[in-house]
Amino acid sequence: VLFVERMVVASAGISFVVGIQHVAQWFD
């Protein structure tokens, strides 16, 4: 159960590409 839950928590790392897109939308 801990293994599965920590795997889901680790998916927070997908946010990297979201921030990349966000910054690209603001800077020249």
mmCIF file of all heavy atoms, coordinates in Angstrom:
data_MODEL
# 
_entry.id   MODEL 
# 
loop_
_atom_site.group_PDB 
_atom_site.id 
_atom_site.type_symbol 
_atom_site.label_atom_id 
_atom_site.label_alt_id 
_atom_site.label_comp_id 
_atom_site.label_asym_id 
_atom_site.label_entity_id 
_atom_site.label_seq_id 
_atom_site.pdbx_PDB_ins_code 
_atom_site.Cartn_x 
_atom_site.Cartn_y 
_atom_site.Cartn_z 
_atom_site.occupancy 
_atom_site.B_iso_or_equiv 
_atom_site.pdbx_formal_charge 
_atom_site.auth_seq_id 
_atom_site.auth_comp_id 
_atom_site.auth_asym_id 
_atom_site.auth_atom_id 
_atom_site.pdbx_PDB_model_num 
ATOM 1   N N   . VAL A 1 1  ? 0.844  -1.208 0.000   1.00 0.00 ? 1  VAL A N   1 
ATOM 2   C CA  . VAL A 1 1  ? 0.000  0.000  0.000   1.00 0.00 ? 1  VAL A CA  1 
ATOM 3   C C   . VAL A 1 1  ? 0.872  1.248  0.000   1.00 0.00 ? 1  VAL A C   1 
ATOM 4   O O   . VAL A 1 1  ? 0.630  2.201  -0.749  1.00 0.00 ? 1  VAL A O   1 
ATOM 5   C CB  . VAL A 1 1  ? -0.948 -0.002 1.207   1.00 0.00 ? 1  VAL A CB  1 
ATOM 6   C CG1 . VAL A 1 1  ? -1.650 1.343  1.340   1.00 0.00 ? 1  VAL A CG1 1 
ATOM 7   C CG2 . VAL A 1 1  ? -1.972 -1.121 1.074   1.00 0.00 ? 1  VAL A CG2 1 
ATOM 8   N N   . LEU A 1 2  ? 1.908  1.264  0.866   1.00 0.00 ? 2  LEU A N   1 
ATOM 9   C CA  . LEU A 1 2  ? 2.830  2.398  0.890   1.00 0.00 ? 2  LEU A CA  1 
ATOM 10  C C   . LEU A 1 2  ? 3.491  2.580  -0.470  1.00 0.00 ? 2  LEU A C   1 
ATOM 11  O O   . LEU A 1 2  ? 3.617  3.711  -0.967  1.00 0.00 ? 2  LEU A O   1 
ATOM 12  C CB  . LEU A 1 2  ? 3.895  2.175  1.960   1.00 0.00 ? 2  LEU A CB  1 
ATOM 13  C CG  . LEU A 1 2  ? 4.996  3.248  2.045   1.00 0.00 ? 2  LEU A CG  1 
ATOM 14  C CD1 . LEU A 1 2  ? 4.409  4.549  2.585   1.00 0.00 ? 2  LEU A CD1 1 
ATOM 15  C CD2 . LEU A 1 2  ? 6.157  2.781  2.917   1.00 0.00 ? 2  LEU A CD2 1 
ATOM 16  N N   . PHE A 1 3  ? 3.886  1.481  -1.086  1.00 0.00 ? 3  PHE A N   1 
ATOM 17  C CA  . PHE A 1 3  ? 4.540  1.510  -2.398  1.00 0.00 ? 3  PHE A CA  1 
ATOM 18  C C   . PHE A 1 3  ? 3.650  2.209  -3.426  1.00 0.00 ? 3  PHE A C   1 
ATOM 19  O O   . PHE A 1 3  ? 4.095  3.099  -4.161  1.00 0.00 ? 3  PHE A O   1 
ATOM 20  C CB  . PHE A 1 3  ? 4.849  0.082  -2.838  1.00 0.00 ? 3  PHE A CB  1 
ATOM 21  C CG  . PHE A 1 3  ? 5.582  -0.042 -4.132  1.00 0.00 ? 3  PHE A CG  1 
ATOM 22  C CD1 . PHE A 1 3  ? 6.967  -0.104 -4.150  1.00 0.00 ? 3  PHE A CD1 1 
ATOM 23  C CD2 . PHE A 1 3  ? 4.909  -0.121 -5.337  1.00 0.00 ? 3  PHE A CD2 1 
ATOM 24  C CE1 . PHE A 1 3  ? 7.661  -0.227 -5.352  1.00 0.00 ? 3  PHE A CE1 1 
ATOM 25  C CE2 . PHE A 1 3  ? 5.581  -0.248 -6.538  1.00 0.00 ? 3  PHE A CE2 1 
ATOM 26  C CZ  . PHE A 1 3  ? 6.966  -0.301 -6.541  1.00 0.00 ? 3  PHE A CZ  1 
ATOM 27  N N   . VAL A 1 4  ? 2.379  1.814  -3.475  1.00 0.00 ? 4  VAL A N   1 
ATOM 28  C CA  . VAL A 1 4  ? 1.441  2.403  -4.440  1.00 0.00 ? 4  VAL A CA  1 
ATOM 29  C C   . VAL A 1 4  ? 1.212  3.884  -4.134  1.00 0.00 ? 4  VAL A C   1 
ATOM 30  O O   . VAL A 1 4  ? 1.223  4.730  -5.039  1.00 0.00 ? 4  VAL A O   1 
ATOM 31  C CB  . VAL A 1 4  ? 0.107  1.631  -4.435  1.00 0.00 ? 4  VAL A CB  1 
ATOM 32  C CG1 . VAL A 1 4  ? -0.929 2.363  -5.295  1.00 0.00 ? 4  VAL A CG1 1 
ATOM 33  C CG2 . VAL A 1 4  ? 0.304  0.216  -4.945  1.00 0.00 ? 4  VAL A CG2 1 
ATOM 34  N N   . GLU A 1 5  ? 1.018  4.199  -2.864  1.00 0.00 ? 5  GLU A N   1 
ATOM 35  C CA  . GLU A 1 5  ? 0.764  5.595  -2.488  1.00 0.00 ? 5  GLU A CA  1 
ATOM 36  C C   . GLU A 1 5  ? 1.967  6.477  -2.807  1.00 0.00 ? 5  GLU A C   1 
ATOM 37  O O   . GLU A 1 5  ? 1.803  7.592  -3.324  1.00 0.00 ? 5  GLU A O   1 
ATOM 38  C CB  . GLU A 1 5  ? 0.418  5.675  -1.006  1.00 0.00 ? 5  GLU A CB  1 
ATOM 39  C CG  . GLU A 1 5  ? -0.950 5.106  -0.671  1.00 0.00 ? 5  GLU A CG  1 
ATOM 40  C CD  . GLU A 1 5  ? -1.251 5.122  0.810   1.00 0.00 ? 5  GLU A CD  1 
ATOM 41  O OE1 . GLU A 1 5  ? -0.306 5.197  1.622   1.00 0.00 ? 5  GLU A OE1 1 
ATOM 42  O OE2 . GLU A 1 5  ? -2.453 5.045  1.169   1.00 0.00 ? 5  GLU A OE2 1 
ATOM 43  N N   . ARG A 1 6  ? 3.170  5.991  -2.510  1.00 0.00 ? 6  ARG A N   1 
ATOM 44  C CA  . ARG A 1 6  ? 4.356  6.801  -2.803  1.00 0.00 ? 6  ARG A CA  1 
ATOM 45  C C   . ARG A 1 6  ? 4.586  6.921  -4.311  1.00 0.00 ? 6  ARG A C   1 
ATOM 46  O O   . ARG A 1 6  ? 5.145  7.917  -4.780  1.00 0.00 ? 6  ARG A O   1 
ATOM 47  C CB  . ARG A 1 6  ? 5.580  6.201  -2.124  1.00 0.00 ? 6  ARG A CB  1 
ATOM 48  C CG  . ARG A 1 6  ? 5.515  6.177  -0.616  1.00 0.00 ? 6  ARG A CG  1 
ATOM 49  C CD  . ARG A 1 6  ? 5.116  7.520  -0.025  1.00 0.00 ? 6  ARG A CD  1 
ATOM 50  N NE  . ARG A 1 6  ? 6.080  8.572  -0.358  1.00 0.00 ? 6  ARG A NE  1 
ATOM 51  C CZ  . ARG A 1 6  ? 5.897  9.854  -0.092  1.00 0.00 ? 6  ARG A CZ  1 
ATOM 52  N NH1 . ARG A 1 6  ? 4.774  10.274 0.484   1.00 0.00 ? 6  ARG A NH1 1 
ATOM 53  N NH2 . ARG A 1 6  ? 6.819  10.735 -0.403  1.00 0.00 ? 6  ARG A NH2 1 
ATOM 54  N N   . MET A 1 7  ? 4.162  5.941  -5.073  1.00 0.00 ? 7  MET A N   1 
ATOM 55  C CA  . MET A 1 7  ? 4.257  6.042  -6.523  1.00 0.00 ? 7  MET A CA  1 
ATOM 56  C C   . MET A 1 7  ? 3.350  7.171  -7.032  1.00 0.00 ? 7  MET A C   1 
ATOM 57  O O   . MET A 1 7  ? 3.733  7.938  -7.925  1.00 0.00 ? 7  MET A O   1 
ATOM 58  C CB  . MET A 1 7  ? 3.875  4.720  -7.176  1.00 0.00 ? 7  MET A CB  1 
ATOM 59  C CG  . MET A 1 7  ? 4.027  4.698  -8.690  1.00 0.00 ? 7  MET A CG  1 
ATOM 60  S SD  . MET A 1 7  ? 3.817  3.031  -9.372  1.00 0.00 ? 7  MET A SD  1 
ATOM 61  C CE  . MET A 1 7  ? 2.129  2.664  -8.891  1.00 0.00 ? 7  MET A CE  1 
ATOM 62  N N   . VAL A 1 8  ? 2.171  7.289  -6.444  1.00 0.00 ? 8  VAL A N   1 
ATOM 63  C CA  . VAL A 1 8  ? 1.254  8.368  -6.824  1.00 0.00 ? 8  VAL A CA  1 
ATOM 64  C C   . VAL A 1 8  ? 1.826  9.722  -6.399  1.00 0.00 ? 8  VAL A C   1 
ATOM 65  O O   . VAL A 1 8  ? 1.793  10.694 -7.170  1.00 0.00 ? 8  VAL A O   1 
ATOM 66  C CB  . VAL A 1 8  ? -0.135 8.147  -6.199  1.00 0.00 ? 8  VAL A CB  1 
ATOM 67  C CG1 . VAL A 1 8  ? -1.042 9.345  -6.467  1.00 0.00 ? 8  VAL A CG1 1 
ATOM 68  C CG2 . VAL A 1 8  ? -0.765 6.871  -6.741  1.00 0.00 ? 8  VAL A CG2 1 
ATOM 69  N N   . VAL A 1 9  ? 2.371  9.797  -5.197  1.00 0.00 ? 9  VAL A N   1 
ATOM 70  C CA  . VAL A 1 9  ? 2.986  11.048 -4.737  1.00 0.00 ? 9  VAL A CA  1 
ATOM 71  C C   . VAL A 1 9  ? 4.136  11.442 -5.660  1.00 0.00 ? 9  VAL A C   1 
ATOM 72  O O   . VAL A 1 9  ? 4.300  12.627 -6.000  1.00 0.00 ? 9  VAL A O   1 
ATOM 73  C CB  . VAL A 1 9  ? 3.490  10.905 -3.287  1.00 0.00 ? 9  VAL A CB  1 
ATOM 74  C CG1 . VAL A 1 9  ? 4.285  12.139 -2.869  1.00 0.00 ? 9  VAL A CG1 1 
ATOM 75  C CG2 . VAL A 1 9  ? 2.325  10.684 -2.336  1.00 0.00 ? 9  VAL A CG2 1 
ATOM 76  N N   . ALA A 1 10 ? 4.928  10.449 -6.078  1.00 0.00 ? 10 ALA A N   1 
ATOM 77  C CA  . ALA A 1 10 ? 6.067  10.726 -6.948  1.00 0.00 ? 10 ALA A CA  1 
ATOM 78  C C   . ALA A 1 10 ? 5.643  11.313 -8.287  1.00 0.00 ? 10 ALA A C   1 
ATOM 79  O O   . ALA A 1 10 ? 6.436  11.991 -8.950  1.00 0.00 ? 10 ALA A O   1 
ATOM 80  C CB  . ALA A 1 10 ? 6.878  9.451  -7.176  1.00 0.00 ? 10 ALA A CB  1 
ATOM 81  N N   . SER A 1 11 ? 4.392  11.084 -8.672  1.00 0.00 ? 11 SER A N   1 
ATOM 82  C CA  . SER A 1 11 ? 3.914  11.649 -9.939  1.00 0.00 ? 11 SER A CA  1 
ATOM 83  C C   . SER A 1 11 ? 3.841  13.172 -9.880  1.00 0.00 ? 11 SER A C   1 
ATOM 84  O O   . SER A 1 11 ? 3.577  13.821 -10.904 1.00 0.00 ? 11 SER A O   1 
ATOM 85  C CB  . SER A 1 11 ? 2.549  11.064 -10.320 1.00 0.00 ? 11 SER A CB  1 
ATOM 86  O OG  . SER A 1 11 ? 1.524  11.557 -9.469  1.00 0.00 ? 11 SER A OG  1 
ATOM 87  N N   . ALA A 1 12 ? 4.075  13.769 -8.693  1.00 0.00 ? 12 ALA A N   1 
ATOM 88  C CA  . ALA A 1 12 ? 4.183  15.230 -8.618  1.00 0.00 ? 12 ALA A CA  1 
ATOM 89  C C   . ALA A 1 12 ? 5.254  15.733 -9.561  1.00 0.00 ? 12 ALA A C   1 
ATOM 90  O O   . ALA A 1 12 ? 5.219  16.885 -10.009 1.00 0.00 ? 12 ALA A O   1 
ATOM 91  C CB  . ALA A 1 12 ? 4.495  15.665 -7.185  1.00 0.00 ? 12 ALA A CB  1 
ATOM 92  N N   . GLY A 1 13 ? 6.216  14.863 -9.894  1.00 0.00 ? 13 GLY A N   1 
ATOM 93  C CA  . GLY A 1 13 ? 7.283  15.247 -10.812 1.00 0.00 ? 13 GLY A CA  1 
ATOM 94  C C   . GLY A 1 13 ? 6.819  15.556 -12.222 1.00 0.00 ? 13 GLY A C   1 
ATOM 95  O O   . GLY A 1 13 ? 7.558  16.174 -12.998 1.00 0.00 ? 13 GLY A O   1 
ATOM 96  N N   . ILE A 1 14 ? 5.601  15.166 -12.579 1.00 0.00 ? 14 ILE A N   1 
ATOM 97  C CA  . ILE A 1 14 ? 5.109  15.497 -13.920 1.00 0.00 ? 14 ILE A CA  1 
ATOM 98  C C   . ILE A 1 14 ? 4.894  16.999 -14.060 1.00 0.00 ? 14 ILE A C   1 
ATOM 99  O O   . ILE A 1 14 ? 4.772  17.514 -15.174 1.00 0.00 ? 14 ILE A O   1 
ATOM 100 C CB  . ILE A 1 14 ? 3.809  14.740 -14.269 1.00 0.00 ? 14 ILE A CB  1 
ATOM 101 C CG1 . ILE A 1 14 ? 2.620  15.259 -13.442 1.00 0.00 ? 14 ILE A CG1 1 
ATOM 102 C CG2 . ILE A 1 14 ? 4.002  13.242 -14.076 1.00 0.00 ? 14 ILE A CG2 1 
ATOM 103 C CD1 . ILE A 1 14 ? 1.283  14.601 -13.782 1.00 0.00 ? 14 ILE A CD1 1 
ATOM 104 N N   . SER A 1 15 ? 4.858  17.704 -12.927 1.00 0.00 ? 15 SER A N   1 
ATOM 105 C CA  . SER A 1 15 ? 4.608  19.144 -12.956 1.00 0.00 ? 15 SER A CA  1 
ATOM 106 C C   . SER A 1 15 ? 5.721  19.926 -13.640 1.00 0.00 ? 15 SER A C   1 
ATOM 107 O O   . SER A 1 15 ? 5.526  21.083 -14.029 1.00 0.00 ? 15 SER A O   1 
ATOM 108 C CB  . SER A 1 15 ? 4.426  19.666 -11.530 1.00 0.00 ? 15 SER A CB  1 
ATOM 109 O OG  . SER A 1 15 ? 5.600  19.442 -10.763 1.00 0.00 ? 15 SER A OG  1 
ATOM 110 N N   . PHE A 1 16 ? 6.883  19.300 -13.815 1.00 0.00 ? 16 PHE A N   1 
ATOM 111 C CA  . PHE A 1 16 ? 7.999  20.004 -14.451 1.00 0.00 ? 16 PHE A CA  1 
ATOM 112 C C   . PHE A 1 16 ? 7.603  20.601 -15.793 1.00 0.00 ? 16 PHE A C   1 
ATOM 113 O O   . PHE A 1 16 ? 7.858  21.779 -16.072 1.00 0.00 ? 16 PHE A O   1 
ATOM 114 C CB  . PHE A 1 16 ? 9.179  19.048 -14.642 1.00 0.00 ? 16 PHE A CB  1 
ATOM 115 C CG  . PHE A 1 16 ? 10.220 19.571 -15.597 1.00 0.00 ? 16 PHE A CG  1 
ATOM 116 C CD1 . PHE A 1 16 ? 11.091 20.587 -15.218 1.00 0.00 ? 16 PHE A CD1 1 
ATOM 117 C CD2 . PHE A 1 16 ? 10.332 19.064 -16.875 1.00 0.00 ? 16 PHE A CD2 1 
ATOM 118 C CE1 . PHE A 1 16 ? 12.045 21.079 -16.089 1.00 0.00 ? 16 PHE A CE1 1 
ATOM 119 C CE2 . PHE A 1 16 ? 11.279 19.545 -17.755 1.00 0.00 ? 16 PHE A CE2 1 
ATOM 120 C CZ  . PHE A 1 16 ? 12.137 20.553 -17.361 1.00 0.00 ? 16 PHE A CZ  1 
ATOM 121 N N   . VAL A 1 17 ? 6.978  19.799 -16.648 1.00 0.00 ? 17 VAL A N   1 
ATOM 122 C CA  . VAL A 1 17 ? 6.652  20.276 -17.990 1.00 0.00 ? 17 VAL A CA  1 
ATOM 123 C C   . VAL A 1 17 ? 5.570  21.346 -17.948 1.00 0.00 ? 17 VAL A C   1 
ATOM 124 O O   . VAL A 1 17 ? 5.479  22.193 -18.845 1.00 0.00 ? 17 VAL A O   1 
ATOM 125 C CB  . VAL A 1 17 ? 6.241  19.112 -18.914 1.00 0.00 ? 17 VAL A CB  1 
ATOM 126 C CG1 . VAL A 1 17 ? 7.383  18.111 -19.044 1.00 0.00 ? 17 VAL A CG1 1 
ATOM 127 C CG2 . VAL A 1 17 ? 4.984  18.402 -18.412 1.00 0.00 ? 17 VAL A CG2 1 
ATOM 128 N N   . VAL A 1 18 ? 4.739  21.317 -16.907 1.00 0.00 ? 18 VAL A N   1 
ATOM 129 C CA  . VAL A 1 18 ? 3.716  22.347 -16.756 1.00 0.00 ? 18 VAL A CA  1 
ATOM 130 C C   . VAL A 1 18 ? 4.381  23.694 -16.488 1.00 0.00 ? 18 VAL A C   1 
ATOM 131 O O   . VAL A 1 18 ? 4.020  24.718 -17.071 1.00 0.00 ? 18 VAL A O   1 
ATOM 132 C CB  . VAL A 1 18 ? 2.746  21.972 -15.619 1.00 0.00 ? 18 VAL A CB  1 
ATOM 133 C CG1 . VAL A 1 18 ? 1.673  23.046 -15.457 1.00 0.00 ? 18 VAL A CG1 1 
ATOM 134 C CG2 . VAL A 1 18 ? 2.111  20.611 -15.872 1.00 0.00 ? 18 VAL A CG2 1 
ATOM 135 N N   . GLY A 1 19 ? 5.372  23.691 -15.590 1.00 0.00 ? 19 GLY A N   1 
ATOM 136 C CA  . GLY A 1 19 ? 6.099  24.924 -15.308 1.00 0.00 ? 19 GLY A CA  1 
ATOM 137 C C   . GLY A 1 19 ? 6.905  25.410 -16.500 1.00 0.00 ? 19 GLY A C   1 
ATOM 138 O O   . GLY A 1 19 ? 7.008  26.623 -16.741 1.00 0.00 ? 19 GLY A O   1 
ATOM 139 N N   . ILE A 1 20 ? 7.491  24.479 -17.251 1.00 0.00 ? 20 ILE A N   1 
ATOM 140 C CA  . ILE A 1 20 ? 8.230  24.851 -18.472 1.00 0.00 ? 20 ILE A CA  1 
ATOM 141 C C   . ILE A 1 20 ? 7.299  25.587 -19.427 1.00 0.00 ? 20 ILE A C   1 
ATOM 142 O O   . ILE A 1 20 ? 7.643  26.635 -19.993 1.00 0.00 ? 20 ILE A O   1 
ATOM 143 C CB  . ILE A 1 20 ? 8.817  23.596 -19.153 1.00 0.00 ? 20 ILE A CB  1 
ATOM 144 C CG1 . ILE A 1 20 ? 10.047 23.086 -18.381 1.00 0.00 ? 20 ILE A CG1 1 
ATOM 145 C CG2 . ILE A 1 20 ? 9.183  23.890 -20.608 1.00 0.00 ? 20 ILE A CG2 1 
ATOM 146 C CD1 . ILE A 1 20 ? 11.286 23.943 -18.524 1.00 0.00 ? 20 ILE A CD1 1 
ATOM 147 N N   . GLN A 1 21 ? 6.113  25.051 -19.618 1.00 0.00 ? 21 GLN A N   1 
ATOM 148 C CA  . GLN A 1 21 ? 5.134  25.700 -20.491 1.00 0.00 ? 21 GLN A CA  1 
ATOM 149 C C   . GLN A 1 21 ? 4.734  27.054 -19.946 1.00 0.00 ? 21 GLN A C   1 
ATOM 150 O O   . GLN A 1 21 ? 4.623  28.041 -20.691 1.00 0.00 ? 21 GLN A O   1 
ATOM 151 C CB  . GLN A 1 21 ? 3.912  24.786 -20.647 1.00 0.00 ? 21 GLN A CB  1 
ATOM 152 C CG  . GLN A 1 21 ? 2.958  25.205 -21.762 1.00 0.00 ? 21 GLN A CG  1 
ATOM 153 C CD  . GLN A 1 21 ? 1.842  26.137 -21.302 1.00 0.00 ? 21 GLN A CD  1 
ATOM 154 O OE1 . GLN A 1 21 ? 1.830  26.616 -20.174 1.00 0.00 ? 21 GLN A OE1 1 
ATOM 155 N NE2 . GLN A 1 21 ? 0.920  26.436 -22.212 1.00 0.00 ? 21 GLN A NE2 1 
ATOM 156 N N   . HIS A 1 22 ? 4.531  27.135 -18.628 1.00 0.00 ? 22 HIS A N   1 
ATOM 157 C CA  . HIS A 1 22 ? 4.101  28.382 -18.003 1.00 0.00 ? 22 HIS A CA  1 
ATOM 158 C C   . HIS A 1 22 ? 5.147  29.485 -18.204 1.00 0.00 ? 22 HIS A C   1 
ATOM 159 O O   . HIS A 1 22 ? 4.819  30.616 -18.602 1.00 0.00 ? 22 HIS A O   1 
ATOM 160 C CB  . HIS A 1 22 ? 3.858  28.147 -16.511 1.00 0.00 ? 22 HIS A CB  1 
ATOM 161 C CG  . HIS A 1 22 ? 3.059  29.218 -15.866 1.00 0.00 ? 22 HIS A CG  1 
ATOM 162 N ND1 . HIS A 1 22 ? 2.804  29.261 -14.518 1.00 0.00 ? 22 HIS A ND1 1 
ATOM 163 C CD2 . HIS A 1 22 ? 2.450  30.329 -16.377 1.00 0.00 ? 22 HIS A CD2 1 
ATOM 164 C CE1 . HIS A 1 22 ? 2.072  30.312 -14.221 1.00 0.00 ? 22 HIS A CE1 1 
ATOM 165 N NE2 . HIS A 1 22 ? 1.849  30.983 -15.333 1.00 0.00 ? 22 HIS A NE2 1 
ATOM 166 N N   . VAL A 1 23 ? 6.407  29.154 -17.935 1.00 0.00 ? 23 VAL A N   1 
ATOM 167 C CA  . VAL A 1 23 ? 7.479  30.141 -18.099 1.00 0.00 ? 23 VAL A CA  1 
ATOM 168 C C   . VAL A 1 23 ? 7.622  30.549 -19.563 1.00 0.00 ? 23 VAL A C   1 
ATOM 169 O O   . VAL A 1 23 ? 7.806  31.733 -19.881 1.00 0.00 ? 23 VAL A O   1 
ATOM 170 C CB  . VAL A 1 23 ? 8.809  29.575 -17.555 1.00 0.00 ? 23 VAL A CB  1 
ATOM 171 C CG1 . VAL A 1 23 ? 9.965  30.528 -17.848 1.00 0.00 ? 23 VAL A CG1 1 
ATOM 172 C CG2 . VAL A 1 23 ? 8.705  29.343 -16.052 1.00 0.00 ? 23 VAL A CG2 1 
ATOM 173 N N   . ALA A 1 24 ? 7.525  29.579 -20.478 1.00 0.00 ? 24 ALA A N   1 
ATOM 174 C CA  . ALA A 1 24 ? 7.657  29.877 -21.910 1.00 0.00 ? 24 ALA A CA  1 
ATOM 175 C C   . ALA A 1 24 ? 6.573  30.836 -22.382 1.00 0.00 ? 24 ALA A C   1 
ATOM 176 O O   . ALA A 1 24 ? 6.789  31.617 -23.324 1.00 0.00 ? 24 ALA A O   1 
ATOM 177 C CB  . ALA A 1 24 ? 7.599  28.585 -22.726 1.00 0.00 ? 24 ALA A CB  1 
ATOM 178 N N   . GLN A 1 25 ? 5.416  30.798 -21.739 1.00 0.00 ? 25 GLN A N   1 
ATOM 179 C CA  . GLN A 1 25 ? 4.303  31.660 -22.125 1.00 0.00 ? 25 GLN A CA  1 
ATOM 180 C C   . GLN A 1 25 ? 4.467  33.103 -21.638 1.00 0.00 ? 25 GLN A C   1 
ATOM 181 O O   . GLN A 1 25 ? 3.683  33.972 -22.011 1.00 0.00 ? 25 GLN A O   1 
ATOM 182 C CB  . GLN A 1 25 ? 2.984  31.092 -21.587 1.00 0.00 ? 25 GLN A CB  1 
ATOM 183 C CG  . GLN A 1 25 ? 2.592  29.746 -22.173 1.00 0.00 ? 25 GLN A CG  1 
ATOM 184 C CD  . GLN A 1 25 ? 2.220  29.820 -23.636 1.00 0.00 ? 25 GLN A CD  1 
ATOM 185 O OE1 . GLN A 1 25 ? 3.079  29.807 -24.513 1.00 0.00 ? 25 GLN A OE1 1 
ATOM 186 N NE2 . GLN A 1 25 ? 0.942  29.901 -23.926 1.00 0.00 ? 25 GLN A NE2 1 
ATOM 187 N N   . TRP A 1 26 ? 5.479  33.343 -20.807 1.00 0.00 ? 26 TRP A N   1 
ATOM 188 C CA  . TRP A 1 26 ? 5.655  34.673 -20.234 1.00 0.00 ? 26 TRP A CA  1 
ATOM 189 C C   . TRP A 1 26 ? 6.940  35.375 -20.658 1.00 0.00 ? 26 TRP A C   1 
ATOM 190 O O   . TRP A 1 26 ? 7.032  36.606 -20.590 1.00 0.00 ? 26 TRP A O   1 
ATOM 191 C CB  . TRP A 1 26 ? 5.615  34.594 -18.703 1.00 0.00 ? 26 TRP A CB  1 
ATOM 192 C CG  . TRP A 1 26 ? 4.229  34.513 -18.162 1.00 0.00 ? 26 TRP A CG  1 
ATOM 193 C CD1 . TRP A 1 26 ? 3.494  33.380 -17.935 1.00 0.00 ? 26 TRP A CD1 1 
ATOM 194 C CD2 . TRP A 1 26 ? 3.372  35.596 -17.804 1.00 0.00 ? 26 TRP A CD2 1 
ATOM 195 N NE1 . TRP A 1 26 ? 2.247  33.695 -17.459 1.00 0.00 ? 26 TRP A NE1 1 
ATOM 196 C CE2 . TRP A 1 26 ? 2.145  35.063 -17.357 1.00 0.00 ? 26 TRP A CE2 1 
ATOM 197 C CE3 . TRP A 1 26 ? 3.528  36.984 -17.805 1.00 0.00 ? 26 TRP A CE3 1 
ATOM 198 C CZ2 . TRP A 1 26 ? 1.090  35.845 -16.935 1.00 0.00 ? 26 TRP A CZ2 1 
ATOM 199 C CZ3 . TRP A 1 26 ? 2.478  37.769 -17.376 1.00 0.00 ? 26 TRP A CZ3 1 
ATOM 200 C CH2 . TRP A 1 26 ? 1.264  37.211 -16.948 1.00 0.00 ? 26 TRP A CH2 1 
ATOM 201 N N   . PHE A 1 27 ? 7.964  34.604 -21.105 1.00 0.00 ? 27 PHE A N   1 
ATOM 202 C CA  . PHE A 1 27 ? 9.272  35.199 -21.397 1.00 0.00 ? 27 PHE A CA  1 
ATOM 203 C C   . PHE A 1 27 ? 9.574  35.164 -22.895 1.00 0.00 ? 27 PHE A C   1 
ATOM 204 O O   . PHE A 1 27 ? 9.145  34.260 -23.612 1.00 0.00 ? 27 PHE A O   1 
ATOM 205 C CB  . PHE A 1 27 ? 10.374 34.468 -20.617 1.00 0.00 ? 27 PHE A CB  1 
ATOM 206 C CG  . PHE A 1 27 ? 10.381 34.798 -19.149 1.00 0.00 ? 27 PHE A CG  1 
ATOM 207 C CD1 . PHE A 1 27 ? 9.517  34.148 -18.274 1.00 0.00 ? 27 PHE A CD1 1 
ATOM 208 C CD2 . PHE A 1 27 ? 11.226 35.772 -18.642 1.00 0.00 ? 27 PHE A CD2 1 
ATOM 209 C CE1 . PHE A 1 27 ? 9.500  34.452 -16.925 1.00 0.00 ? 27 PHE A CE1 1 
ATOM 210 C CE2 . PHE A 1 27 ? 11.216 36.097 -17.289 1.00 0.00 ? 27 PHE A CE2 1 
ATOM 211 C CZ  . PHE A 1 27 ? 10.352 35.430 -16.429 1.00 0.00 ? 27 PHE A CZ  1 
ATOM 212 N N   . ASP A 1 28 ? 10.339 36.164 -23.362 1.00 0.00 ? 28 ASP A N   1 
ATOM 213 C CA  . ASP A 1 28 ? 10.676 36.288 -24.772 1.00 0.00 ? 28 ASP A CA  1 
ATOM 214 C C   . ASP A 1 28 ? 11.862 35.396 -25.140 1.00 0.00 ? 28 ASP A C   1 
ATOM 215 O O   . ASP A 1 28 ? 12.611 34.923 -24.280 1.00 0.00 ? 28 ASP A O   1 
ATOM 216 C CB  . ASP A 1 28 ? 11.000 37.747 -25.106 1.00 0.00 ? 28 ASP A CB  1 
ATOM 217 C CG  . ASP A 1 28 ? 9.801  38.661 -24.885 1.00 0.00 ? 28 ASP A CG  1 
ATOM 218 O OD1 . ASP A 1 28 ? 8.662  38.193 -25.101 1.00 0.00 ? 28 ASP A OD1 1 
ATOM 219 O OD2 . ASP A 1 28 ? 9.998  39.824 -24.478 1.00 0.00 ? 28 ASP A OD2 1 
# 
